[in-house]
Amino acid sequence: MRTSVSAGRAGWIWLVVLALGLAGCSEESSQQSGGGQQQQQPPLKAQVLELEPRDLPVDKQYSALLRSEQQVDVMARVTGVLQKRQFDEGANVEQGQALFVIEPDRYQAVVSQRQAGLESAQAELYRAQRNWERYQRLYQQNSVSQQQRDEARADLLAAQASVAQAQAALNDAQLDLDYSTVEAPVAGQISLSEINVGNLVQAPQLLATITPLKTLQARFSLPPEDAMAIRLQRRASDAQQTITPIATSRDGLGDDRLTGELSFLGSRVDPDTGTVQAQATFDNPDALFLPGQFVRLTLDGLVLPNLLAVPEIAVTEGREGPQVYIVDASGKAKPVTVELGERSGAWIAIQSGLEAGQRVIVSNVPSAQPGRAIEAQPFDGKADSTPASAQQNQGDGQQQAQGAQNAAQKEPQAGGGESGSAAKGANG
């Protein structure tokens, strides 16, 4: 009988302990729920940019090769012994300056000979002209036959041809005499001499090279979209800014640069390279840049028109690629995956994923989370105000805060486990 009563009491005690445990768990759950509501994040203050099409400056460098279109090879045009060299190798020469002398006495003798031949032909022409006039008068008086008159006429024509032939021979000899003194066809810097004084020169033979350095050209290749942007900008009647090519040394040494103008834009896309050829012309007054030198070329003033662009600080990396946060109609942050385009300084074009009128978060981006309320503030226009290092620091701080929050949430669970173990021990 006592055993039955004791067993009944033990059952009641177990039921009471179980009820108390359930009540404690319910109260703990209620406290945790209340704590979660207390930890709800406040609205995030962030600058917001409303998207609208803009002209994005082209921030690119093109590799270009400098050349001098007026560079000439000085060639010998007569044969003879090189008697003089009248310049300093590597010096600047002027157009028309005498450079070499090739045996002029020899060609002067030929000129004198041809001059004598011309005078002889002119004397014969004078005789034939007088005979023709005489026979013409006699024929009118019926004193000579028509045959005699015609022969006089033929002699006159032959004498005239002889004079013309002698004059041509003299001119040819005079050209050779002129070519015996080689002059600079253009102004520029002359190279080393290709032949020494005293050697036999045979036409045509390279004597030296003259390279004008005051004006240089740079040929380079453009992507088709950049070439189209140039054509559109040139066509626009209200274009306020011109396109100015700027060339700088490829090795980055010194602060010297060349400023010129775009002198040529190709009319076709090269099927092999997929690019459009272009050329810029530069003034090189100090002759610091040389033909054959590679330079980095930029096109100041060139813009890509009507693009949607955001500051680069607004772009983060999501699960599906680059993304930005926009503020939706309910005022909350929403991630949107985008396709990136051209970069220009602190701005980056968006090829797809966004539309005009959408509002993009451009500050405190690392603190933005999907669904978090945003207290929107106007964009101050400083696209590069938050460098990448600052974003990284903000991201690290956010991760540390998240870790601390997770640790705080685990502490009550740990305490509850200990209490459960104690209760289990008491029950046992």
Protein backbone atom coordinates (compact mmCIF):
# COMPACT_ATOMS: atom_id res chain seq x y z
CA MET A 1 0.00 0.00 0.00
CA ARG A 2 2.83 2.41 0.88
CA THR A 3 4.65 1.49 -2.30
CA SER A 4 1.64 2.46 -4.37
CA VAL A 5 1.31 5.82 -2.58
CA SER A 6 5.05 6.57 -3.03
CA ALA A 7 4.85 5.78 -6.73
CA GLY A 8 1.90 8.13 -7.12
CA ARG A 9 3.75 10.97 -5.39
CA ALA A 10 6.81 10.48 -7.59
CA GLY A 11 4.63 10.72 -10.69
CA TRP A 12 3.08 13.97 -9.51
CA ILE A 13 6.51 15.42 -8.73
CA TRP A 14 7.75 14.52 -12.22
CA LEU A 15 4.73 16.19 -13.79
CA VAL A 16 5.30 19.37 -11.74
CA VAL A 17 9.00 19.51 -12.72
CA LEU A 18 8.09 19.01 -16.39
CA ALA A 19 5.52 21.81 -16.25
CA LEU A 20 8.00 24.15 -14.61
CA GLY A 21 10.61 23.30 -17.31
CA LEU A 22 8.14 23.99 -20.10
CA ALA A 23 7.18 27.29 -18.50
CA GLY A 24 10.85 28.26 -18.22
CA CYS A 25 11.48 27.41 -21.87
CA SER A 26 8.43 29.43 -22.90
CA GLU A 27 9.64 32.40 -20.89
CA GLU A 28 13.19 32.09 -22.36
CA SER A 29 11.76 31.90 -25.86
CA SER A 30 9.66 34.96 -25.17
CA GLN A 31 12.73 36.81 -23.88
CA GLN A 32 14.75 35.83 -26.95
CA SER A 33 11.93 36.95 -29.21
CA GLY A 34 11.71 40.26 -27.43
CA GLY A 35 15.49 40.64 -27.66
CA GLY A 36 15.35 40.02 -31.40
CA GLN A 37 12.84 42.78 -31.78
CA GLN A 38 15.06 45.05 -29.73
CA GLN A 39 18.03 44.24 -32.07
CA GLN A 40 16.19 45.23 -35.28
CA GLN A 41 18.56 47.49 -37.32
CA PRO A 42 17.68 51.17 -37.66
CA PRO A 43 17.46 52.77 -41.15
CA LEU A 44 20.84 53.18 -42.86
CA LYS A 45 21.82 56.71 -43.79
CA ALA A 46 23.27 56.59 -47.30
CA GLN A 47 23.72 58.87 -50.29
CA VAL A 48 21.56 57.87 -53.24
CA LEU A 49 22.14 58.64 -56.93
CA GLU A 50 19.16 58.81 -59.29
CA LEU A 51 20.28 57.33 -62.58
CA GLU A 52 20.07 59.38 -65.75
CA PRO A 53 22.01 59.19 -69.05
CA ARG A 54 25.32 61.04 -68.98
CA ASP A 55 28.34 61.61 -71.21
CA LEU A 56 31.19 59.50 -69.88
CA PRO A 57 34.72 60.76 -70.67
CA VAL A 58 36.87 58.12 -72.33
CA ASP A 59 39.69 57.36 -69.92
CA LYS A 60 41.91 55.16 -72.10
CA GLN A 61 45.49 54.96 -73.25
CA TYR A 62 46.42 53.79 -76.72
CA SER A 63 49.82 52.53 -77.78
CA ALA A 64 51.12 54.55 -80.74
CA LEU A 65 54.27 54.66 -82.87
CA LEU A 66 55.75 58.04 -83.77
CA ARG A 67 56.91 58.63 -87.32
CA SER A 68 58.01 61.50 -89.54
CA GLU A 69 56.14 61.58 -92.82
CA GLN A 70 58.66 64.03 -94.35
CA GLN A 71 61.72 61.86 -93.71
CA VAL A 72 63.75 61.52 -96.93
CA ASP A 73 66.70 59.50 -98.14
CA VAL A 74 69.31 61.65 -99.85
CA MET A 75 70.34 59.79 -103.02
CA ALA A 76 73.14 60.38 -105.52
CA ARG A 77 71.73 61.11 -108.99
CA VAL A 78 75.04 61.22 -110.88
CA THR A 79 78.09 59.01 -110.98
CA GLY A 80 81.51 60.28 -109.91
CA VAL A 81 84.02 60.65 -107.10
CA LEU A 82 82.68 62.19 -103.86
CA GLN A 83 84.85 65.27 -103.40
CA LYS A 84 83.28 67.11 -100.44
CA ARG A 85 80.93 66.59 -97.51
CA GLN A 86 79.64 69.95 -96.34
CA PHE A 87 77.79 69.18 -93.10
CA ASP A 88 78.37 67.83 -89.60
CA GLU A 89 76.87 64.42 -89.08
CA GLY A 90 73.85 64.57 -86.76
CA ALA A 91 73.43 68.33 -87.24
CA ASN A 92 70.27 70.13 -88.28
CA VAL A 93 70.33 71.16 -91.94
CA GLU A 94 68.14 73.62 -93.80
CA GLN A 95 66.24 72.99 -97.00
CA GLY A 96 68.49 73.76 -100.02
CA GLN A 97 71.72 73.51 -98.02
CA ALA A 98 74.64 71.93 -99.96
CA LEU A 99 75.55 68.54 -98.52
CA PHE A 100 77.82 66.68 -100.98
CA VAL A 101 79.87 67.59 -104.05
CA ILE A 102 80.37 64.88 -106.71
CA GLU A 103 83.03 65.73 -109.35
CA PRO A 104 81.40 68.89 -110.77
CA ASP A 105 84.26 69.72 -113.20
CA ARG A 106 83.46 66.64 -115.22
CA TYR A 107 79.86 67.67 -115.71
CA GLN A 108 80.81 71.30 -116.29
CA ALA A 109 82.88 70.14 -119.29
CA VAL A 110 79.88 68.31 -120.70
CA VAL A 111 77.76 71.42 -120.30
CA SER A 112 80.32 73.50 -122.22
CA GLN A 113 80.37 70.91 -124.99
CA ARG A 114 76.59 70.88 -125.27
CA GLN A 115 76.54 74.67 -125.26
CA ALA A 116 78.85 74.70 -128.27
CA GLY A 117 76.64 72.19 -130.04
CA LEU A 118 73.64 74.41 -129.46
CA GLU A 119 75.40 77.45 -130.89
CA SER A 120 76.37 75.46 -133.99
CA ALA A 121 72.79 74.37 -134.48
CA GLN A 122 71.57 77.92 -134.07
CA ALA A 123 74.04 79.07 -136.80
CA GLU A 124 72.75 76.41 -139.16
CA LEU A 125 69.21 77.50 -138.38
CA TYR A 126 70.10 81.09 -139.29
CA ARG A 127 71.51 79.96 -142.66
CA ALA A 128 68.46 77.81 -143.41
CA GLN A 129 66.12 80.64 -142.43
CA ARG A 130 67.86 83.09 -144.84
CA ASN A 131 67.80 80.55 -147.69
CA TRP A 132 64.13 79.90 -147.17
CA GLU A 133 63.32 83.61 -147.32
CA ARG A 134 65.40 84.04 -150.51
CA TYR A 135 63.89 81.04 -152.31
CA GLN A 136 60.43 82.18 -151.30
CA ARG A 137 60.95 85.56 -153.05
CA LEU A 138 62.51 83.96 -156.11
CA TYR A 139 59.69 81.49 -156.42
CA GLN A 140 57.17 84.33 -156.44
CA GLN A 141 59.18 85.85 -159.33
CA ASN A 142 59.22 82.48 -161.14
CA SER A 143 63.03 82.46 -160.92
CA VAL A 144 63.31 79.08 -159.09
CA SER A 145 61.31 75.91 -159.26
CA GLN A 146 58.87 74.70 -156.65
CA GLN A 147 61.23 71.82 -155.87
CA GLN A 148 64.02 74.22 -154.95
CA ARG A 149 61.67 76.18 -152.73
CA ASP A 150 60.49 72.97 -150.98
CA GLU A 151 64.07 71.87 -150.36
CA ALA A 152 64.80 75.21 -148.72
CA ARG A 153 61.73 74.74 -146.55
CA ALA A 154 62.89 71.25 -145.51
CA ASP A 155 66.36 72.56 -144.62
CA LEU A 156 64.75 75.18 -142.39
CA LEU A 157 62.66 72.61 -140.54
CA ALA A 158 65.69 70.32 -140.08
CA ALA A 159 67.71 73.21 -138.66
CA GLN A 160 64.95 74.06 -136.22
CA ALA A 161 64.86 70.43 -135.04
CA SER A 162 68.62 70.43 -134.60
CA VAL A 163 68.43 73.50 -132.39
CA ALA A 164 65.74 71.88 -130.25
CA GLN A 165 67.78 68.70 -129.92
CA ALA A 166 70.91 70.63 -128.98
CA GLN A 167 68.92 72.61 -126.39
CA ALA A 168 67.59 69.39 -124.81
CA ALA A 169 71.10 67.94 -124.64
CA LEU A 170 72.33 71.10 -122.95
CA ASN A 171 69.49 70.98 -120.43
CA ASP A 172 70.28 67.36 -119.61
CA ALA A 173 73.93 68.18 -119.08
CA GLN A 174 72.98 71.13 -116.91
CA LEU A 175 70.82 68.84 -114.73
CA ASP A 176 73.74 66.49 -114.20
CA LEU A 177 75.92 69.47 -113.27
CA ASP A 178 73.28 70.63 -110.79
CA TYR A 179 72.98 67.11 -109.33
CA SER A 180 76.73 67.01 -108.79
CA THR A 181 76.05 69.28 -105.81
CA VAL A 182 73.61 67.39 -103.56
CA GLU A 183 71.29 69.70 -101.61
CA ALA A 184 68.97 68.99 -98.69
CA PRO A 185 65.40 68.49 -99.99
CA VAL A 186 63.89 69.20 -96.53
CA ALA A 187 64.97 70.71 -93.25
CA GLY A 188 65.72 68.35 -90.38
CA GLN A 189 68.37 66.35 -88.60
CA ILE A 190 70.78 64.53 -90.88
CA SER A 191 72.15 61.08 -90.21
CA LEU A 192 75.65 59.69 -90.50
CA SER A 193 77.08 59.75 -93.99
CA GLU A 194 76.74 56.45 -95.82
CA ILE A 195 79.87 57.04 -97.94
CA ASN A 196 83.21 58.66 -97.29
CA VAL A 197 84.91 61.40 -99.30
CA GLY A 198 87.07 60.03 -102.09
CA ASN A 199 84.91 57.02 -102.86
CA LEU A 200 83.18 56.48 -106.16
CA VAL A 201 79.46 57.23 -106.07
CA GLN A 202 77.12 55.49 -108.46
CA ALA A 203 73.60 56.67 -109.08
CA PRO A 204 71.30 55.88 -107.41
CA GLN A 205 73.16 55.44 -104.11
CA LEU A 206 72.08 56.33 -100.56
CA LEU A 207 74.23 59.12 -99.14
CA ALA A 208 72.37 60.08 -95.92
CA THR A 209 68.93 60.41 -94.37
CA ILE A 210 67.24 63.62 -93.22
CA THR A 211 64.54 63.37 -90.54
CA PRO A 212 62.38 66.41 -89.78
CA LEU A 213 61.63 66.46 -86.03
CA LYS A 214 59.52 69.61 -85.68
CA THR A 215 56.37 67.75 -86.67
CA LEU A 216 55.65 64.09 -85.90
CA GLN A 217 52.76 61.76 -86.59
CA ALA A 218 51.47 58.94 -84.40
CA ARG A 219 49.48 56.05 -85.85
CA PHE A 220 47.33 54.00 -83.49
CA SER A 221 44.26 51.73 -83.45
CA LEU A 222 40.86 52.46 -81.93
CA PRO A 223 38.04 50.11 -80.90
CA PRO A 224 35.04 50.60 -83.20
CA GLU A 225 32.94 52.09 -80.39
CA ASP A 226 35.57 54.76 -79.72
CA ALA A 227 35.78 55.57 -83.43
CA MET A 228 32.00 55.90 -83.54
CA ALA A 229 32.09 58.22 -80.52
CA ILE A 230 34.60 60.44 -82.35
CA ARG A 231 32.39 60.61 -85.44
CA LEU A 232 29.29 61.40 -83.38
CA GLN A 233 31.11 64.10 -81.46
CA ARG A 234 32.49 65.65 -84.65
CA ARG A 235 29.04 65.59 -86.24
CA ALA A 236 27.34 67.30 -83.30
CA SER A 237 26.96 70.99 -84.13
CA ASP A 238 26.75 71.97 -80.46
CA ALA A 239 29.97 70.21 -79.43
CA GLN A 240 31.68 72.49 -76.94
CA GLN A 241 34.84 70.48 -76.44
CA THR A 242 37.30 69.42 -79.11
CA ILE A 243 39.18 66.13 -79.09
CA THR A 244 42.86 66.73 -78.31
CA PRO A 245 45.40 63.90 -78.65
CA ILE A 246 48.09 63.91 -75.96
CA ALA A 247 51.21 61.74 -76.25
CA THR A 248 53.47 60.89 -73.33
CA SER A 249 56.60 58.79 -73.09
CA ARG A 250 55.82 55.11 -72.74
CA ASP A 251 58.50 54.59 -70.08
CA GLY A 252 57.00 57.37 -67.97
CA LEU A 253 60.29 59.25 -67.65
CA GLY A 254 59.95 63.01 -67.35
CA ASP A 255 56.90 65.23 -67.56
CA ASP A 256 57.22 66.08 -71.24
CA ARG A 257 54.28 65.44 -73.49
CA LEU A 258 53.06 66.37 -76.94
CA THR A 259 49.70 68.00 -77.68
CA GLY A 260 48.36 67.78 -81.21
CA GLU A 261 45.29 67.21 -83.33
CA LEU A 262 43.51 64.19 -84.75
CA SER A 263 44.45 64.33 -88.44
CA PHE A 264 43.03 61.03 -89.70
CA LEU A 265 40.27 58.58 -88.78
CA GLY A 266 39.88 55.39 -90.79
CA SER A 267 36.72 54.57 -92.73
CA ARG A 268 36.75 50.81 -92.15
CA VAL A 269 37.27 48.21 -89.45
CA ASP A 270 40.31 46.03 -90.01
CA PRO A 271 38.97 42.45 -90.28
CA ASP A 272 42.20 41.04 -88.80
CA THR A 273 42.41 43.23 -85.69
CA GLY A 274 38.82 44.48 -85.32
CA THR A 275 40.07 48.04 -84.89
CA VAL A 276 39.95 51.34 -86.76
CA GLN A 277 43.19 53.07 -87.75
CA ALA A 278 43.74 56.68 -86.70
CA GLN A 279 46.56 59.22 -86.84
CA ALA A 280 47.44 62.26 -84.77
CA THR A 281 49.85 65.05 -85.70
CA PHE A 282 52.03 66.71 -83.07
CA ASP A 283 54.33 69.71 -82.92
CA ASN A 284 57.70 68.68 -81.47
CA PRO A 285 59.52 72.02 -81.08
CA ASP A 286 62.19 70.76 -78.68
CA ALA A 287 62.81 67.55 -80.68
CA LEU A 288 62.58 65.46 -77.48
CA PHE A 289 60.46 62.78 -79.13
CA LEU A 290 61.88 60.77 -82.03
CA PRO A 291 60.40 58.80 -84.94
CA GLY A 292 60.13 55.10 -84.19
CA GLN A 293 59.42 55.80 -80.51
CA PHE A 294 56.40 54.18 -78.86
CA VAL A 295 54.22 56.54 -76.80
CA ARG A 296 51.06 56.36 -74.73
CA LEU A 297 48.31 58.38 -76.35
CA THR A 298 45.11 59.70 -74.79
CA LEU A 299 42.21 61.55 -76.40
CA ASP A 300 41.31 64.45 -74.14
CA GLY A 301 37.73 65.61 -74.64
CA LEU A 302 36.39 62.36 -76.12
CA VAL A 303 33.18 61.19 -74.44
CA LEU A 304 30.87 58.20 -74.79
CA PRO A 305 27.38 59.75 -74.98
CA ASN A 306 24.15 58.81 -73.20
CA LEU A 307 25.39 56.09 -70.85
CA LEU A 308 24.08 54.98 -67.48
CA ALA A 309 27.02 55.14 -65.07
CA VAL A 310 27.56 54.82 -61.32
CA PRO A 311 30.50 55.58 -59.07
CA GLU A 312 32.77 52.58 -58.85
CA ILE A 313 32.40 52.61 -55.07
CA ALA A 314 28.75 51.58 -55.53
CA VAL A 315 29.68 48.27 -57.15
CA THR A 316 30.18 45.17 -55.01
CA GLU A 317 30.66 41.51 -55.82
CA GLY A 318 27.58 39.33 -55.44
CA ARG A 319 26.90 35.64 -55.89
CA GLU A 320 26.05 36.09 -59.56
CA GLY A 321 28.71 38.70 -60.32
CA PRO A 322 28.96 42.49 -59.95
CA GLN A 323 26.00 44.08 -58.22
CA VAL A 324 24.74 47.40 -56.89
CA TYR A 325 22.16 48.20 -54.23
CA ILE A 326 19.13 50.22 -55.26
CA VAL A 327 16.39 51.72 -53.08
CA ASP A 328 13.11 50.10 -54.04
CA ALA A 329 9.63 51.62 -53.88
CA SER A 330 9.30 50.68 -50.18
CA GLY A 331 12.52 52.48 -49.28
CA LYS A 332 14.56 49.32 -48.68
CA ALA A 333 17.86 48.14 -50.10
CA LYS A 334 17.67 45.66 -52.95
CA PRO A 335 20.69 44.07 -54.69
CA VAL A 336 20.70 44.08 -58.50
CA THR A 337 23.17 42.14 -60.64
CA VAL A 338 24.66 44.35 -63.41
CA GLU A 339 26.94 44.05 -66.41
CA LEU A 340 29.81 46.51 -66.30
CA GLY A 341 31.07 48.54 -69.26
CA GLU A 342 33.66 51.26 -69.79
CA ARG A 343 35.51 52.78 -66.84
CA SER A 344 36.27 56.48 -66.60
CA GLY A 345 38.12 57.62 -63.53
CA ALA A 346 35.86 56.98 -60.54
CA TRP A 347 32.85 56.15 -62.74
CA ILE A 348 31.88 52.93 -64.46
CA ALA A 349 29.27 52.43 -67.18
CA ILE A 350 26.43 49.95 -66.71
CA GLN A 351 25.61 47.97 -69.84
CA SER A 352 22.63 46.10 -68.45
CA GLY A 353 20.73 45.54 -65.20
CA LEU A 354 19.69 49.13 -64.42
CA GLU A 355 17.29 51.64 -65.92
CA ALA A 356 17.09 55.40 -65.87
CA GLY A 357 15.25 56.71 -62.82
CA GLN A 358 16.37 53.98 -60.43
CA ARG A 359 18.07 55.09 -57.23
CA VAL A 360 21.48 53.60 -56.49
CA ILE A 361 23.16 53.58 -53.08
CA VAL A 362 26.62 55.19 -53.42
CA SER A 363 27.79 55.51 -49.81
CA ASN A 364 27.92 53.12 -46.83
CA VAL A 365 27.55 50.37 -49.40
CA PRO A 366 29.23 47.68 -47.20
CA SER A 367 26.59 48.30 -44.51
CA ALA A 368 23.70 47.85 -46.93
CA GLN A 369 21.81 44.57 -46.63
CA PRO A 370 18.86 43.20 -48.58
CA GLY A 371 15.64 44.50 -47.06
CA ARG A 372 17.25 47.06 -44.77
CA ALA A 373 15.49 50.42 -44.62
CA ILE A 374 17.44 53.26 -46.21
CA GLU A 375 17.36 56.86 -45.09
CA ALA A 376 18.19 58.38 -48.48
CA GLN A 377 20.38 61.46 -48.70
CA PRO A 378 21.27 63.46 -51.85
CA PHE A 379 24.44 62.42 -53.67
CA ASP A 380 27.17 65.03 -53.16
CA GLY A 381 28.78 64.27 -56.51
CA LYS A 382 32.08 63.05 -55.04
CA ALA A 383 32.33 59.72 -56.80
CA ASP A 384 35.78 58.94 -55.38
CA SER A 385 35.10 60.09 -51.82
CA THR A 386 35.18 56.53 -50.46
CA PRO A 387 38.34 54.71 -51.56
CA ALA A 388 38.52 50.95 -51.77
CA SER A 389 40.58 50.74 -48.57
CA ALA A 390 37.83 52.46 -46.63
CA GLN A 391 35.27 50.05 -48.04
CA GLN A 392 37.45 47.15 -46.93
CA ASN A 393 37.73 48.60 -43.43
CA GLN A 394 33.98 49.05 -43.27
CA GLY A 395 33.48 45.49 -44.45
CA ASP A 396 35.90 44.17 -41.83
CA GLY A 397 34.12 46.15 -39.11
CA GLN A 398 30.77 44.81 -40.25
CA GLN A 399 32.08 41.23 -40.11
CA GLN A 400 33.45 41.81 -36.60
CA ALA A 401 30.14 43.26 -35.44
CA GLN A 402 28.26 40.35 -36.99
CA GLY A 403 30.60 37.89 -35.22
CA ALA A 404 30.03 39.60 -31.88
CA GLN A 405 26.26 39.51 -32.42
CA ASN A 406 26.35 35.79 -33.23
CA ALA A 407 28.41 35.14 -30.11
CA ALA A 408 25.92 37.08 -27.99
CA GLN A 409 23.07 35.02 -29.40
CA LYS A 410 24.87 31.77 -28.56
CA GLU A 411 25.41 32.66 -24.87
CA PRO A 412 21.75 32.23 -23.73
CA GLN A 413 21.61 28.92 -25.58
CA ALA A 414 24.66 27.75 -23.71
CA GLY A 415 23.16 28.80 -20.38
CA GLY A 416 19.92 27.06 -21.18
CA GLY A 417 21.84 23.85 -21.89
CA GLU A 418 23.53 23.99 -18.49
CA SER A 419 20.18 24.53 -16.73
CA GLY A 420 18.73 21.63 -18.63
CA SER A 421 21.58 19.43 -17.54
CA ALA A 422 21.09 20.48 -13.93
CA ALA A 423 17.38 19.84 -14.11
CA LYS A 424 18.04 16.48 -15.68
CA GLY A 425 20.44 15.70 -12.88
CA ALA A 426 17.86 16.71 -10.28
CA ASN A 427 15.25 14.60 -11.96
CA GLY A 428 17.66 11.73 -12.10
